[in-house]
Amino acid sequence: MPSIIRHVMVMGRVQGVGYRAWTGDQAILLGVQGWVRNRSDGSVEAVFAGPQDAVMQMIEMCHRGPPPAHVKSVVVSDVMPDMLKLRVGGETFSQLGTV
């Protein structure tokens, strides 16, 4: 069972710059579970679950993102474990479609 689960909303120039793919790669490297997706308002939404240190490191990395991104703000909140059910079956971290 993950030790913490956090919901993250990232605003700025975060679509069309590889932010979702970058987030997925970084999460897998850190052993973080969850998902990431673009939102129709131009933001990126993610849920991160795992050991507190890894999740907090992932959130900190979201403040920078990949080199072409320009992050204006990151809003973090607690979330219930049922949000992890949005992952694609069999994946520990999923890149989901835009909502």
C-alpha atoms as a PDB file:
ATOM      1  CA  MET A   1       0.000   0.000   0.000  1.00  0.00           C
ATOM      2  CA  PRO A   2       1.433   3.420  -0.914  1.00  0.00           C
ATOM      3  CA  SER A   3       2.421   5.533   2.045  1.00  0.00           C
ATOM      4  CA  ILE A   4       1.020   8.774   0.540  1.00  0.00           C
ATOM      5  CA  ILE A   5      -1.138   9.765  -2.426  1.00  0.00           C
ATOM      6  CA  ARG A   6      -1.209  13.290  -3.834  1.00  0.00           C
ATOM      7  CA  HIS A   7      -3.230  14.988  -6.577  1.00  0.00           C
ATOM      8  CA  VAL A   8      -1.267  17.586  -8.572  1.00  0.00           C
ATOM      9  CA  MET A   9      -2.473  20.294 -10.972  1.00  0.00           C
ATOM     10  CA  VAL A  10       0.258  21.983 -13.033  1.00  0.00           C
ATOM     11  CA  MET A  11      -0.454  25.247 -14.842  1.00  0.00           C
ATOM     12  CA  GLY A  12       1.603  27.189 -17.373  1.00  0.00           C
ATOM     13  CA  ARG A  13       3.048  26.152 -20.727  1.00  0.00           C
ATOM     14  CA  VAL A  14       2.796  22.457 -19.959  1.00  0.00           C
ATOM     15  CA  GLN A  15       1.049  21.025 -23.018  1.00  0.00           C
ATOM     16  CA  GLY A  16       2.745  20.441 -26.351  1.00  0.00           C
ATOM     17  CA  VAL A  17       6.151  20.319 -24.654  1.00  0.00           C
ATOM     18  CA  GLY A  18       6.330  16.632 -23.654  1.00  0.00           C
ATOM     19  CA  TYR A  19       5.248  17.239 -20.062  1.00  0.00           C
ATOM     20  CA  ARG A  20       3.080  14.096 -19.818  1.00  0.00           C
ATOM     21  CA  ALA A  21       5.778  11.814 -21.229  1.00  0.00           C
ATOM     22  CA  TRP A  22       8.419  13.431 -19.028  1.00  0.00           C
ATOM     23  CA  THR A  23       6.212  12.992 -15.951  1.00  0.00           C
ATOM     24  CA  GLY A  24       5.672   9.319 -16.744  1.00  0.00           C
ATOM     25  CA  ASP A  25       9.389   8.699 -17.245  1.00  0.00           C
ATOM     26  CA  GLN A  26      10.343  10.465 -13.998  1.00  0.00           C
ATOM     27  CA  ALA A  27       7.643   8.683 -11.984  1.00  0.00           C
ATOM     28  CA  ILE A  28       8.797   5.287 -13.209  1.00  0.00           C
ATOM     29  CA  LEU A  29      12.435   6.131 -12.378  1.00  0.00           C
ATOM     30  CA  LEU A  30      11.402   7.134  -8.842  1.00  0.00           C
ATOM     31  CA  GLY A  31       9.135   4.110  -8.347  1.00  0.00           C
ATOM     32  CA  VAL A  32       6.024   6.295  -8.058  1.00  0.00           C
ATOM     33  CA  GLN A  33       2.624   4.894  -9.051  1.00  0.00           C
ATOM     34  CA  GLY A  34      -0.273   6.844 -10.550  1.00  0.00           C
ATOM     35  CA  TRP A  35      -1.221   8.638 -13.741  1.00  0.00           C
ATOM     36  CA  VAL A  36      -0.915  11.892 -15.677  1.00  0.00           C
ATOM     37  CA  ARG A  37      -3.184  13.555 -18.246  1.00  0.00           C
ATOM     38  CA  ASN A  38      -3.729  16.830 -20.070  1.00  0.00           C
ATOM     39  CA  ARG A  39      -6.840  18.850 -19.318  1.00  0.00           C
ATOM     40  CA  SER A  40      -8.806  20.854 -21.853  1.00  0.00           C
ATOM     41  CA  ASP A  41      -8.006  24.079 -19.956  1.00  0.00           C
ATOM     42  CA  GLY A  42      -4.286  23.698 -20.828  1.00  0.00           C
ATOM     43  CA  SER A  43      -3.184  22.314 -17.455  1.00  0.00           C
ATOM     44  CA  VAL A  44      -1.697  18.920 -16.624  1.00  0.00           C
ATOM     45  CA  GLU A  45      -3.228  16.774 -13.885  1.00  0.00           C
ATOM     46  CA  ALA A  46      -1.497  13.906 -12.096  1.00  0.00           C
ATOM     47  CA  VAL A  47      -1.879  11.539  -9.166  1.00  0.00           C
ATOM     48  CA  PHE A  48       1.285  10.263  -7.476  1.00  0.00           C
ATOM     49  CA  ALA A  49       1.376   7.420  -4.946  1.00  0.00           C
ATOM     50  CA  GLY A  50       4.244   5.770  -3.132  1.00  0.00           C
ATOM     51  CA  PRO A  51       6.842   6.369  -0.453  1.00  0.00           C
ATOM     52  CA  GLN A  52       6.638   9.911   0.897  1.00  0.00           C
ATOM     53  CA  ASP A  53      10.189  10.848  -0.166  1.00  0.00           C
ATOM     54  CA  ALA A  54       9.641   9.701  -3.764  1.00  0.00           C
ATOM     55  CA  VAL A  55       6.231  11.397  -4.095  1.00  0.00           C
ATOM     56  CA  MET A  56       7.568  14.658  -2.643  1.00  0.00           C
ATOM     57  CA  GLN A  57      10.560  14.526  -4.996  1.00  0.00           C
ATOM     58  CA  MET A  58       8.204  13.975  -7.937  1.00  0.00           C
ATOM     59  CA  ILE A  59       6.100  16.971  -6.901  1.00  0.00           C
ATOM     60  CA  GLU A  60       9.209  19.133  -6.594  1.00  0.00           C
ATOM     61  CA  MET A  61      10.292  18.072 -10.092  1.00  0.00           C
ATOM     62  CA  CYS A  62       6.870  19.098 -11.423  1.00  0.00           C
ATOM     63  CA  HIS A  63       7.707  22.713 -10.518  1.00  0.00           C
ATOM     64  CA  ARG A  64      10.345  22.618 -13.293  1.00  0.00           C
ATOM     65  CA  GLY A  65       9.126  20.009 -15.770  1.00  0.00           C
ATOM     66  CA  PRO A  66      10.981  19.212 -18.989  1.00  0.00           C
ATOM     67  CA  PRO A  67      13.209  21.931 -20.528  1.00  0.00           C
ATOM     68  CA  PRO A  68      10.610  23.416 -22.958  1.00  0.00           C
ATOM     69  CA  ALA A  69       7.957  23.757 -20.210  1.00  0.00           C
ATOM     70  CA  HIS A  70       7.248  26.958 -18.300  1.00  0.00           C
ATOM     71  CA  VAL A  71       5.476  26.086 -15.064  1.00  0.00           C
ATOM     72  CA  LYS A  72       3.526  28.939 -13.474  1.00  0.00           C
ATOM     73  CA  SER A  73       1.989  27.059 -10.547  1.00  0.00           C
ATOM     74  CA  VAL A  74       1.603  23.636  -8.982  1.00  0.00           C
ATOM     75  CA  VAL A  75      -1.351  22.913  -6.694  1.00  0.00           C
ATOM     76  CA  VAL A  76      -1.093  19.812  -4.498  1.00  0.00           C
ATOM     77  CA  SER A  77      -3.855  18.161  -2.506  1.00  0.00           C
ATOM     78  CA  ASP A  78      -4.560  14.884  -0.739  1.00  0.00           C
ATOM     79  CA  VAL A  79      -6.625  12.355  -2.653  1.00  0.00           C
ATOM     80  CA  MET A  80      -8.381   9.085  -1.930  1.00  0.00           C
ATOM     81  CA  PRO A  81      -6.853   5.791  -3.132  1.00  0.00           C
ATOM     82  CA  ASP A  82      -9.752   5.243  -5.557  1.00  0.00           C
ATOM     83  CA  MET A  83      -8.181   7.878  -7.865  1.00  0.00           C
ATOM     84  CA  LEU A  84      -5.511   5.278  -8.696  1.00  0.00           C
ATOM     85  CA  LYS A  85      -8.225   3.212 -10.414  1.00  0.00           C
ATOM     86  CA  LEU A  86      -7.942   5.510 -13.444  1.00  0.00           C
ATOM     87  CA  ARG A  87      -4.654   3.808 -14.388  1.00  0.00           C
ATOM     88  CA  VAL A  88      -4.608   1.474 -17.371  1.00  0.00           C
ATOM     89  CA  GLY A  89      -4.855  -2.137 -16.188  1.00  0.00           C
ATOM     90  CA  GLY A  90      -1.470  -3.697 -15.482  1.00  0.00           C
ATOM     91  CA  GLU A  91       0.437  -0.382 -15.493  1.00  0.00           C
ATOM     92  CA  THR A  92       2.002   1.144 -12.401  1.00  0.00           C
ATOM     93  CA  PHE A  93       1.996   4.619 -14.039  1.00  0.00           C
ATOM     94  CA  SER A  94      -0.272   5.592 -16.934  1.00  0.00           C
ATOM     95  CA  GLN A  95      -0.380   8.464 -19.401  1.00  0.00           C
ATOM     96  CA  LEU A  96      -4.083   9.065 -19.930  1.00  0.00           C
ATOM     97  CA  GLY A  97      -5.966  10.960 -22.626  1.00  0.00           C
ATOM     98  CA  THR A  98      -7.101  14.558 -22.370  1.00  0.00           C
ATOM     99  CA  VAL A  99     -10.242  15.406 -20.388  1.00  0.00           C
END
